[in-house]
Amino acid sequence: MNTLTPPAISAIHPRASRLRIYRAEALCELRRAWRTPAFMLPSLLFPVLFYSLFGLLLGRGHAAQYLLATYCVFGAMAPALFGFGVQLALDREGGLLTLKRALPMPPMAPLLARLLMAVLFALLVATVLIGVAALAGVALSPRMLVHLLAVAAFAALPLGAIGLWIGSHVSTSAAPAVVNLVYLPLALLSGLWLPLSGLPPVFGTLAPLWPTWHLAQLALPAVGMPAQGSAAVHVAVLLAVTAAALGLARRRLRRVG
């Protein structure tokens, strides 16, 4: 016997329909990323190859531990910056963004789907890096593993917001170049490729300006390496960067839309 009244049924169906839309959008975004070799292969392989070379083969002392933490942050950069920045520019100029706005779907569904994609890719890269490090003798406790994976997942939030800001302002043809101008310098200036102690002192002085440096400071304790500053301050800075980038992107998209 059906005990649901018509109002109860009408309250359930929109919720179920909304969940199906979120799920469908997330699956479409994951399929699109997975079926784009120019995006997937560099995002997955470059951090692992660079870590194997500089952290394991050429590294000395604590390089394997230090670079494991920083390359987990580096591995989260490409999916977030390129997935949001370049793809948003493509969607905006190709008319897909306008079409999705016109569809009867939750406005946050495309954004959350892209964020999920960036988080999953970041976790996948971090998992592979941890596996490679373990084969080379870098041992991490379960608590350290969870800590490192959590930082990798969290990195998708501020980096995705920066990518969204870039993609909302630049054209399709300019987006890859602009993202690369952000992606590569941030990795170097934040000490993700090599410790800042190996660079001129000015790089260490300017490092707190970059969000990726704050992410690196959150990741380093996960591998037993010392970090600068307070974790609470790093998180607050990263959340402020996220809010500012999202605000600027939303303002731009409302103006052009």
C-alpha atoms as a PDB file:
ATOM      1  CA  MET A   1       0.000   0.000   0.000  1.00  0.00           C
ATOM      2  CA  ASN A   2       1.367   3.401  -0.982  1.00  0.00           C
ATOM      3  CA  THR A   3       1.255   5.671   2.051  1.00  0.00           C
ATOM      4  CA  LEU A   4       2.835   8.669   0.339  1.00  0.00           C
ATOM      5  CA  THR A   5       0.566  11.606  -0.252  1.00  0.00           C
ATOM      6  CA  PRO A   6       0.856  13.589  -3.507  1.00  0.00           C
ATOM      7  CA  PRO A   7       2.777  16.443  -1.822  1.00  0.00           C
ATOM      8  CA  ALA A   8       5.287  13.938  -0.422  1.00  0.00           C
ATOM      9  CA  ILE A   9       5.760  12.386  -3.849  1.00  0.00           C
ATOM     10  CA  SER A  10       6.304  15.789  -5.443  1.00  0.00           C
ATOM     11  CA  ALA A  11       8.898  16.582  -2.780  1.00  0.00           C
ATOM     12  CA  ILE A  12      10.855  13.379  -3.457  1.00  0.00           C
ATOM     13  CA  HIS A  13      10.912  13.446  -7.243  1.00  0.00           C
ATOM     14  CA  PRO A  14      12.686  16.817  -7.662  1.00  0.00           C
ATOM     15  CA  ARG A  15      15.352  15.734  -5.204  1.00  0.00           C
ATOM     16  CA  ALA A  16      15.917  12.431  -7.002  1.00  0.00           C
ATOM     17  CA  SER A  17      15.931  14.200 -10.346  1.00  0.00           C
ATOM     18  CA  ARG A  18      18.470  16.729  -9.067  1.00  0.00           C
ATOM     19  CA  LEU A  19      20.765  13.940  -7.856  1.00  0.00           C
ATOM     20  CA  ARG A  20      20.533  12.212 -11.237  1.00  0.00           C
ATOM     21  CA  ILE A  21      21.539  15.459 -12.946  1.00  0.00           C
ATOM     22  CA  TYR A  22      24.570  15.880 -10.691  1.00  0.00           C
ATOM     23  CA  ARG A  23      25.590  12.266 -11.289  1.00  0.00           C
ATOM     24  CA  ALA A  24      25.123  12.486 -15.049  1.00  0.00           C
ATOM     25  CA  GLU A  25      27.099  15.717 -15.267  1.00  0.00           C
ATOM     26  CA  ALA A  26      29.922  14.246 -13.163  1.00  0.00           C
ATOM     27  CA  LEU A  27      30.104  11.113 -15.326  1.00  0.00           C
ATOM     28  CA  CYS A  28      30.166  13.189 -18.511  1.00  0.00           C
ATOM     29  CA  GLU A  29      32.983  15.347 -17.163  1.00  0.00           C
ATOM     30  CA  LEU A  30      35.032  12.322 -16.101  1.00  0.00           C
ATOM     31  CA  ARG A  31      34.528  10.650 -19.474  1.00  0.00           C
ATOM     32  CA  ARG A  32      35.523  13.807 -21.295  1.00  0.00           C
ATOM     33  CA  ALA A  33      38.737  14.135 -19.275  1.00  0.00           C
ATOM     34  CA  TRP A  34      39.582  10.439 -19.555  1.00  0.00           C
ATOM     35  CA  ARG A  35      39.024  10.431 -23.326  1.00  0.00           C
ATOM     36  CA  THR A  36      41.307  13.420 -23.915  1.00  0.00           C
ATOM     37  CA  PRO A  37      44.861  12.005 -24.078  1.00  0.00           C
ATOM     38  CA  ALA A  38      46.426  15.473 -24.382  1.00  0.00           C
ATOM     39  CA  PHE A  39      44.989  16.241 -20.938  1.00  0.00           C
ATOM     40  CA  MET A  40      45.075  12.855 -19.236  1.00  0.00           C
ATOM     41  CA  LEU A  41      48.551  11.572 -20.094  1.00  0.00           C
ATOM     42  CA  PRO A  42      50.599  14.664 -19.091  1.00  0.00           C
ATOM     43  CA  SER A  43      48.514  15.082 -15.933  1.00  0.00           C
ATOM     44  CA  LEU A  44      49.197  11.520 -14.834  1.00  0.00           C
ATOM     45  CA  LEU A  45      52.682  10.841 -16.159  1.00  0.00           C
ATOM     46  CA  PHE A  46      54.705  14.045 -15.756  1.00  0.00           C
ATOM     47  CA  PRO A  47      54.610  14.215 -11.920  1.00  0.00           C
ATOM     48  CA  VAL A  48      55.491  10.519 -11.644  1.00  0.00           C
ATOM     49  CA  LEU A  49      58.346  10.722 -14.163  1.00  0.00           C
ATOM     50  CA  PHE A  50      59.779  13.895 -12.632  1.00  0.00           C
ATOM     51  CA  TYR A  51      59.559  12.476  -9.111  1.00  0.00           C
ATOM     52  CA  SER A  52      61.216   9.236 -10.174  1.00  0.00           C
ATOM     53  CA  LEU A  53      64.058  11.205 -11.766  1.00  0.00           C
ATOM     54  CA  PHE A  54      64.678  14.025  -9.301  1.00  0.00           C
ATOM     55  CA  GLY A  55      63.364  12.450  -6.108  1.00  0.00           C
ATOM     56  CA  LEU A  56      64.591   8.870  -6.432  1.00  0.00           C
ATOM     57  CA  LEU A  57      67.329   8.565  -9.057  1.00  0.00           C
ATOM     58  CA  LEU A  58      69.129  11.890  -8.555  1.00  0.00           C
ATOM     59  CA  GLY A  59      67.891  12.789  -5.069  1.00  0.00           C
ATOM     60  CA  ARG A  60      70.114  12.804  -2.020  1.00  0.00           C
ATOM     61  CA  GLY A  61      69.320  12.839   1.691  1.00  0.00           C
ATOM     62  CA  HIS A  62      65.652  13.541   2.323  1.00  0.00           C
ATOM     63  CA  ALA A  63      64.871  14.431  -1.304  1.00  0.00           C
ATOM     64  CA  ALA A  64      62.595  11.407  -1.748  1.00  0.00           C
ATOM     65  CA  GLN A  65      60.409  12.434   1.205  1.00  0.00           C
ATOM     66  CA  TYR A  66      60.425  16.169   0.460  1.00  0.00           C
ATOM     67  CA  LEU A  67      59.632  15.792  -3.229  1.00  0.00           C
ATOM     68  CA  LEU A  68      56.942  13.188  -2.560  1.00  0.00           C
ATOM     69  CA  ALA A  69      54.990  15.841  -0.674  1.00  0.00           C
ATOM     70  CA  THR A  70      55.604  18.631  -3.155  1.00  0.00           C
ATOM     71  CA  TYR A  71      54.982  16.506  -6.236  1.00  0.00           C
ATOM     72  CA  CYS A  72      51.618  15.462  -4.806  1.00  0.00           C
ATOM     73  CA  VAL A  73      50.764  19.175  -4.880  1.00  0.00           C
ATOM     74  CA  PHE A  74      52.296  19.503  -8.343  1.00  0.00           C
ATOM     75  CA  GLY A  75      50.189  16.565  -9.520  1.00  0.00           C
ATOM     76  CA  ALA A  76      47.030  18.390  -8.469  1.00  0.00           C
ATOM     77  CA  MET A  77      47.925  21.511 -10.449  1.00  0.00           C
ATOM     78  CA  ALA A  78      47.400  20.339 -14.036  1.00  0.00           C
ATOM     79  CA  PRO A  79      43.931  18.760 -13.613  1.00  0.00           C
ATOM     80  CA  ALA A  80      42.659  21.823 -11.749  1.00  0.00           C
ATOM     81  CA  LEU A  81      44.256  24.609 -13.800  1.00  0.00           C
ATOM     82  CA  PHE A  82      43.800  23.058 -17.235  1.00  0.00           C
ATOM     83  CA  GLY A  83      40.516  21.307 -16.433  1.00  0.00           C
ATOM     84  CA  PHE A  84      38.918  24.553 -15.286  1.00  0.00           C
ATOM     85  CA  GLY A  85      40.883  27.179 -17.200  1.00  0.00           C
ATOM     86  CA  VAL A  86      41.197  25.765 -20.703  1.00  0.00           C
ATOM     87  CA  GLN A  87      37.969  23.793 -20.695  1.00  0.00           C
ATOM     88  CA  LEU A  88      35.914  26.720 -19.430  1.00  0.00           C
ATOM     89  CA  ALA A  89      37.317  28.921 -22.198  1.00  0.00           C
ATOM     90  CA  LEU A  90      36.347  26.241 -24.729  1.00  0.00           C
ATOM     91  CA  ASP A  91      32.850  25.895 -23.283  1.00  0.00           C
ATOM     92  CA  ARG A  92      32.376  29.653 -23.150  1.00  0.00           C
ATOM     93  CA  GLU A  93      33.401  30.385 -26.727  1.00  0.00           C
ATOM     94  CA  GLY A  94      31.807  27.211 -28.123  1.00  0.00           C
ATOM     95  CA  GLY A  95      28.410  28.079 -26.665  1.00  0.00           C
ATOM     96  CA  LEU A  96      28.220  25.065 -24.350  1.00  0.00           C
ATOM     97  CA  LEU A  97      28.229  27.275 -21.261  1.00  0.00           C
ATOM     98  CA  THR A  98      25.282  29.274 -22.636  1.00  0.00           C
ATOM     99  CA  LEU A  99      23.443  26.048 -23.451  1.00  0.00           C
ATOM    100  CA  LYS A 100      23.933  24.672 -19.953  1.00  0.00           C
ATOM    101  CA  ARG A 101      22.641  27.917 -18.473  1.00  0.00           C
ATOM    102  CA  ALA A 102      19.475  27.550 -20.546  1.00  0.00           C
ATOM    103  CA  LEU A 103      18.904  23.936 -19.533  1.00  0.00           C
ATOM    104  CA  PRO A 104      16.723  23.087 -16.505  1.00  0.00           C
ATOM    105  CA  MET A 105      19.664  21.911 -14.440  1.00  0.00           C
ATOM    106  CA  PRO A 106      21.220  23.090 -11.163  1.00  0.00           C
ATOM    107  CA  PRO A 107      23.655  25.919 -11.942  1.00  0.00           C
ATOM    108  CA  MET A 108      26.310  24.362  -9.696  1.00  0.00           C
ATOM    109  CA  ALA A 109      26.235  20.961 -11.440  1.00  0.00           C
ATOM    110  CA  PRO A 110      28.922  21.702 -14.088  1.00  0.00           C
ATOM    111  CA  LEU A 111      31.196  23.376 -11.537  1.00  0.00           C
ATOM    112  CA  LEU A 112      30.920  20.548  -9.020  1.00  0.00           C
ATOM    113  CA  ALA A 113      31.422  17.941 -11.750  1.00  0.00           C
ATOM    114  CA  ARG A 114      34.631  19.633 -12.852  1.00  0.00           C
ATOM    115  CA  LEU A 115      35.786  19.939  -9.238  1.00  0.00           C
ATOM    116  CA  LEU A 116      35.152  16.221  -8.711  1.00  0.00           C
ATOM    117  CA  MET A 117      37.206  15.462 -11.809  1.00  0.00           C
ATOM    118  CA  ALA A 118      40.106  17.571 -10.517  1.00  0.00           C
ATOM    119  CA  VAL A 119      39.942  15.949  -7.071  1.00  0.00           C
ATOM    120  CA  LEU A 120      39.881  12.409  -8.470  1.00  0.00           C
ATOM    121  CA  PHE A 121      42.800  13.081 -10.821  1.00  0.00           C
ATOM    122  CA  ALA A 122      44.770  14.665  -7.961  1.00  0.00           C
ATOM    123  CA  LEU A 123      44.115  11.633  -5.759  1.00  0.00           C
ATOM    124  CA  LEU A 124      45.059   9.262  -8.572  1.00  0.00           C
ATOM    125  CA  VAL A 125      48.379  11.026  -9.180  1.00  0.00           C
ATOM    126  CA  ALA A 126      49.119  11.152  -5.456  1.00  0.00           C
ATOM    127  CA  THR A 127      48.334   7.441  -5.098  1.00  0.00           C
ATOM    128  CA  VAL A 128      50.695   6.530  -7.932  1.00  0.00           C
ATOM    129  CA  LEU A 129      53.428   8.758  -6.455  1.00  0.00           C
ATOM    130  CA  ILE A 130      53.010   7.141  -3.048  1.00  0.00           C
ATOM    131  CA  GLY A 131      53.201   3.701  -4.663  1.00  0.00           C
ATOM    132  CA  VAL A 132      56.407   4.574  -6.539  1.00  0.00           C
ATOM    133  CA  ALA A 133      57.913   6.031  -3.359  1.00  0.00           C
ATOM    134  CA  ALA A 134      56.987   2.910  -1.395  1.00  0.00           C
ATOM    135  CA  LEU A 135      58.736   0.707  -3.962  1.00  0.00           C
ATOM    136  CA  ALA A 136      61.842   2.857  -3.454  1.00  0.00           C
ATOM    137  CA  GLY A 137      61.703   2.394   0.315  1.00  0.00           C
ATOM    138  CA  VAL A 138      59.854   5.547   1.449  1.00  0.00           C
ATOM    139  CA  ALA A 139      57.613   4.312   4.252  1.00  0.00           C
ATOM    140  CA  LEU A 140      54.557   6.261   5.399  1.00  0.00           C
ATOM    141  CA  SER A 141      52.180   5.436   8.208  1.00  0.00           C
ATOM    142  CA  PRO A 142      48.430   5.208   7.485  1.00  0.00           C
ATOM    143  CA  ARG A 143      47.957   8.590   9.141  1.00  0.00           C
ATOM    144  CA  MET A 144      50.608  10.135   6.884  1.00  0.00           C
ATOM    145  CA  LEU A 145      48.966   8.611   3.818  1.00  0.00           C
ATOM    146  CA  VAL A 146      45.578  10.073   4.723  1.00  0.00           C
ATOM    147  CA  HIS A 147      47.178  13.451   5.434  1.00  0.00           C
ATOM    148  CA  LEU A 148      48.970  13.529   2.075  1.00  0.00           C
ATOM    149  CA  LEU A 149      45.892  12.433   0.105  1.00  0.00           C
ATOM    150  CA  ALA A 150      43.762  15.007   1.916  1.00  0.00           C
ATOM    151  CA  VAL A 151      46.145  17.808   0.936  1.00  0.00           C
ATOM    152  CA  ALA A 152      46.174  16.588  -2.683  1.00  0.00           C
ATOM    153  CA  ALA A 153      42.374  16.617  -2.764  1.00  0.00           C
ATOM    154  CA  PHE A 154      42.148  20.009  -1.056  1.00  0.00           C
ATOM    155  CA  ALA A 155      44.600  21.467  -3.593  1.00  0.00           C
ATOM    156  CA  ALA A 156      41.949  21.127  -6.297  1.00  0.00           C
ATOM    157  CA  LEU A 157      39.847  23.809  -4.591  1.00  0.00           C
ATOM    158  CA  PRO A 158      42.117  26.900  -4.760  1.00  0.00           C
ATOM    159  CA  LEU A 159      43.807  25.774  -7.975  1.00  0.00           C
ATOM    160  CA  GLY A 160      40.467  25.052  -9.624  1.00  0.00           C
ATOM    161  CA  ALA A 161      39.229  28.495  -8.597  1.00  0.00           C
ATOM    162  CA  ILE A 162      42.316  30.093 -10.161  1.00  0.00           C
ATOM    163  CA  GLY A 163      41.726  28.067 -13.317  1.00  0.00           C
ATOM    164  CA  LEU A 164      38.096  29.180 -13.364  1.00  0.00           C
ATOM    165  CA  TRP A 165      39.188  32.794 -13.076  1.00  0.00           C
ATOM    166  CA  ILE A 166      41.602  32.380 -15.994  1.00  0.00           C
ATOM    167  CA  GLY A 167      39.064  30.575 -18.159  1.00  0.00           C
ATOM    168  CA  SER A 168      36.437  33.239 -17.555  1.00  0.00           C
ATOM    169  CA  HIS A 169      38.704  35.998 -18.878  1.00  0.00           C
ATOM    170  CA  VAL A 170      40.811  34.632 -21.743  1.00  0.00           C
ATOM    171  CA  SER A 171      39.936  33.301 -25.178  1.00  0.00           C
ATOM    172  CA  THR A 172      40.181  29.684 -26.255  1.00  0.00           C
ATOM    173  CA  SER A 173      43.371  30.288 -28.214  1.00  0.00           C
ATOM    174  CA  ALA A 174      45.054  32.125 -25.343  1.00  0.00           C
ATOM    175  CA  ALA A 175      43.919  29.865 -22.495  1.00  0.00           C
ATOM    176  CA  PRO A 176      46.620  27.138 -22.799  1.00  0.00           C
ATOM    177  CA  ALA A 177      49.414  29.709 -22.935  1.00  0.00           C
ATOM    178  CA  VAL A 178      48.067  31.717 -19.997  1.00  0.00           C
ATOM    179  CA  VAL A 179      47.552  28.585 -17.899  1.00  0.00           C
ATOM    180  CA  ASN A 180      51.117  27.472 -18.651  1.00  0.00           C
ATOM    181  CA  LEU A 181      52.383  30.907 -17.621  1.00  0.00           C
ATOM    182  CA  VAL A 182      50.734  30.291 -14.243  1.00  0.00           C
ATOM    183  CA  TYR A 183      51.326  26.546 -13.960  1.00  0.00           C
ATOM    184  CA  LEU A 184      55.077  26.327 -14.522  1.00  0.00           C
ATOM    185  CA  PRO A 185      56.263  29.427 -12.590  1.00  0.00           C
ATOM    186  CA  LEU A 186      54.064  28.555  -9.614  1.00  0.00           C
ATOM    187  CA  ALA A 187      55.622  25.100  -9.426  1.00  0.00           C
ATOM    188  CA  LEU A 188      59.152  26.489  -9.504  1.00  0.00           C
ATOM    189  CA  LEU A 189      58.634  29.524  -7.264  1.00  0.00           C
ATOM    190  CA  SER A 190      56.816  27.471  -4.609  1.00  0.00           C
ATOM    191  CA  GLY A 191      59.594  24.924  -4.226  1.00  0.00           C
ATOM    192  CA  LEU A 192      57.625  22.061  -5.736  1.00  0.00           C
ATOM    193  CA  TRP A 193      60.361  20.927  -8.119  1.00  0.00           C
ATOM    194  CA  LEU A 194      63.274  21.453  -5.755  1.00  0.00           C
ATOM    195  CA  PRO A 195      63.684  22.933  -2.261  1.00  0.00           C
ATOM    196  CA  LEU A 196      63.741  26.712  -2.104  1.00  0.00           C
ATOM    197  CA  SER A 197      66.984  26.473  -0.127  1.00  0.00           C
ATOM    198  CA  GLY A 198      68.671  25.575  -3.415  1.00  0.00           C
ATOM    199  CA  LEU A 199      67.516  28.834  -5.027  1.00  0.00           C
ATOM    200  CA  PRO A 200      68.526  32.464  -4.383  1.00  0.00           C
ATOM    201  CA  PRO A 201      67.115  33.868  -1.096  1.00  0.00           C
ATOM    202  CA  VAL A 202      64.652  36.135  -2.902  1.00  0.00           C
ATOM    203  CA  PHE A 203      62.644  33.067  -3.961  1.00  0.00           C
ATOM    204  CA  GLY A 204      62.150  32.051  -0.343  1.00  0.00           C
ATOM    205  CA  THR A 205      61.171  35.595   0.612  1.00  0.00           C
ATOM    206  CA  LEU A 206      58.485  35.762  -2.070  1.00  0.00           C
ATOM    207  CA  ALA A 207      57.258  32.178  -1.608  1.00  0.00           C
ATOM    208  CA  PRO A 208      54.353  33.012   0.784  1.00  0.00           C
ATOM    209  CA  LEU A 209      52.742  34.977  -2.061  1.00  0.00           C
ATOM    210  CA  TRP A 210      51.984  31.792  -3.986  1.00  0.00           C
ATOM    211  CA  PRO A 211      49.074  29.490  -3.023  1.00  0.00           C
ATOM    212  CA  THR A 212      51.045  26.414  -4.060  1.00  0.00           C
ATOM    213  CA  TRP A 213      53.683  27.230  -1.422  1.00  0.00           C
ATOM    214  CA  HIS A 214      50.981  27.142   1.246  1.00  0.00           C
ATOM    215  CA  LEU A 215      49.797  23.788  -0.112  1.00  0.00           C
ATOM    216  CA  ALA A 216      53.353  22.476   0.040  1.00  0.00           C
ATOM    217  CA  GLN A 217      53.642  23.554   3.689  1.00  0.00           C
ATOM    218  CA  LEU A 218      50.481  21.585   4.442  1.00  0.00           C
ATOM    219  CA  ALA A 219      51.864  18.504   2.665  1.00  0.00           C
ATOM    220  CA  LEU A 220      55.401  18.414   4.081  1.00  0.00           C
ATOM    221  CA  PRO A 221      54.428  17.272   7.620  1.00  0.00           C
ATOM    222  CA  ALA A 222      52.711  14.267   6.036  1.00  0.00           C
ATOM    223  CA  VAL A 223      56.120  12.871   5.097  1.00  0.00           C
ATOM    224  CA  GLY A 224      57.841  13.893   8.323  1.00  0.00           C
ATOM    225  CA  MET A 225      59.470  17.021   6.922  1.00  0.00           C
ATOM    226  CA  PRO A 226      59.420  20.399   8.705  1.00  0.00           C
ATOM    227  CA  ALA A 227      57.099  23.081   7.381  1.00  0.00           C
ATOM    228  CA  GLN A 228      57.029  26.842   7.794  1.00  0.00           C
ATOM    229  CA  GLY A 229      54.126  28.683   9.377  1.00  0.00           C
ATOM    230  CA  SER A 230      50.869  27.518  10.898  1.00  0.00           C
ATOM    231  CA  ALA A 231      48.541  25.034   9.203  1.00  0.00           C
ATOM    232  CA  ALA A 232      45.553  27.199  10.155  1.00  0.00           C
ATOM    233  CA  VAL A 233      47.128  30.226   8.462  1.00  0.00           C
ATOM    234  CA  HIS A 234      47.879  28.218   5.326  1.00  0.00           C
ATOM    235  CA  VAL A 235      44.302  26.950   5.124  1.00  0.00           C
ATOM    236  CA  ALA A 236      42.927  30.463   5.710  1.00  0.00           C
ATOM    237  CA  VAL A 237      45.104  31.888   2.923  1.00  0.00           C
ATOM    238  CA  LEU A 238      44.041  29.151   0.513  1.00  0.00           C
ATOM    239  CA  LEU A 239      40.355  29.650   1.312  1.00  0.00           C
ATOM    240  CA  ALA A 240      40.771  33.402   0.793  1.00  0.00           C
ATOM    241  CA  VAL A 241      42.415  32.772  -2.595  1.00  0.00           C
ATOM    242  CA  THR A 242      39.557  30.440  -3.510  1.00  0.00           C
ATOM    243  CA  ALA A 243      36.899  32.966  -2.537  1.00  0.00           C
ATOM    244  CA  ALA A 244      38.632  35.827  -4.361  1.00  0.00           C
ATOM    245  CA  ALA A 245      39.172  33.848  -7.571  1.00  0.00           C
ATOM    246  CA  LEU A 246      35.607  32.521  -7.564  1.00  0.00           C
ATOM    247  CA  GLY A 247      34.240  36.015  -6.960  1.00  0.00           C
ATOM    248  CA  LEU A 248      36.210  37.481  -9.857  1.00  0.00           C
ATOM    249  CA  ALA A 249      35.233  34.605 -12.153  1.00  0.00           C
ATOM    250  CA  ARG A 250      31.554  34.898 -11.243  1.00  0.00           C
ATOM    251  CA  ARG A 251      31.603  38.638 -11.856  1.00  0.00           C
ATOM    252  CA  ARG A 252      33.173  38.143 -15.271  1.00  0.00           C
ATOM    253  CA  LEU A 253      30.823  35.340 -16.297  1.00  0.00           C
ATOM    254  CA  ARG A 254      27.764  37.337 -15.290  1.00  0.00           C
ATOM    255  CA  ARG A 255      29.026  40.275 -17.344  1.00  0.00           C
ATOM    256  CA  VAL A 256      29.690  38.240 -20.496  1.00  0.00           C
ATOM    257  CA  GLY A 257      26.622  36.062 -20.013  1.00  0.00           C
END
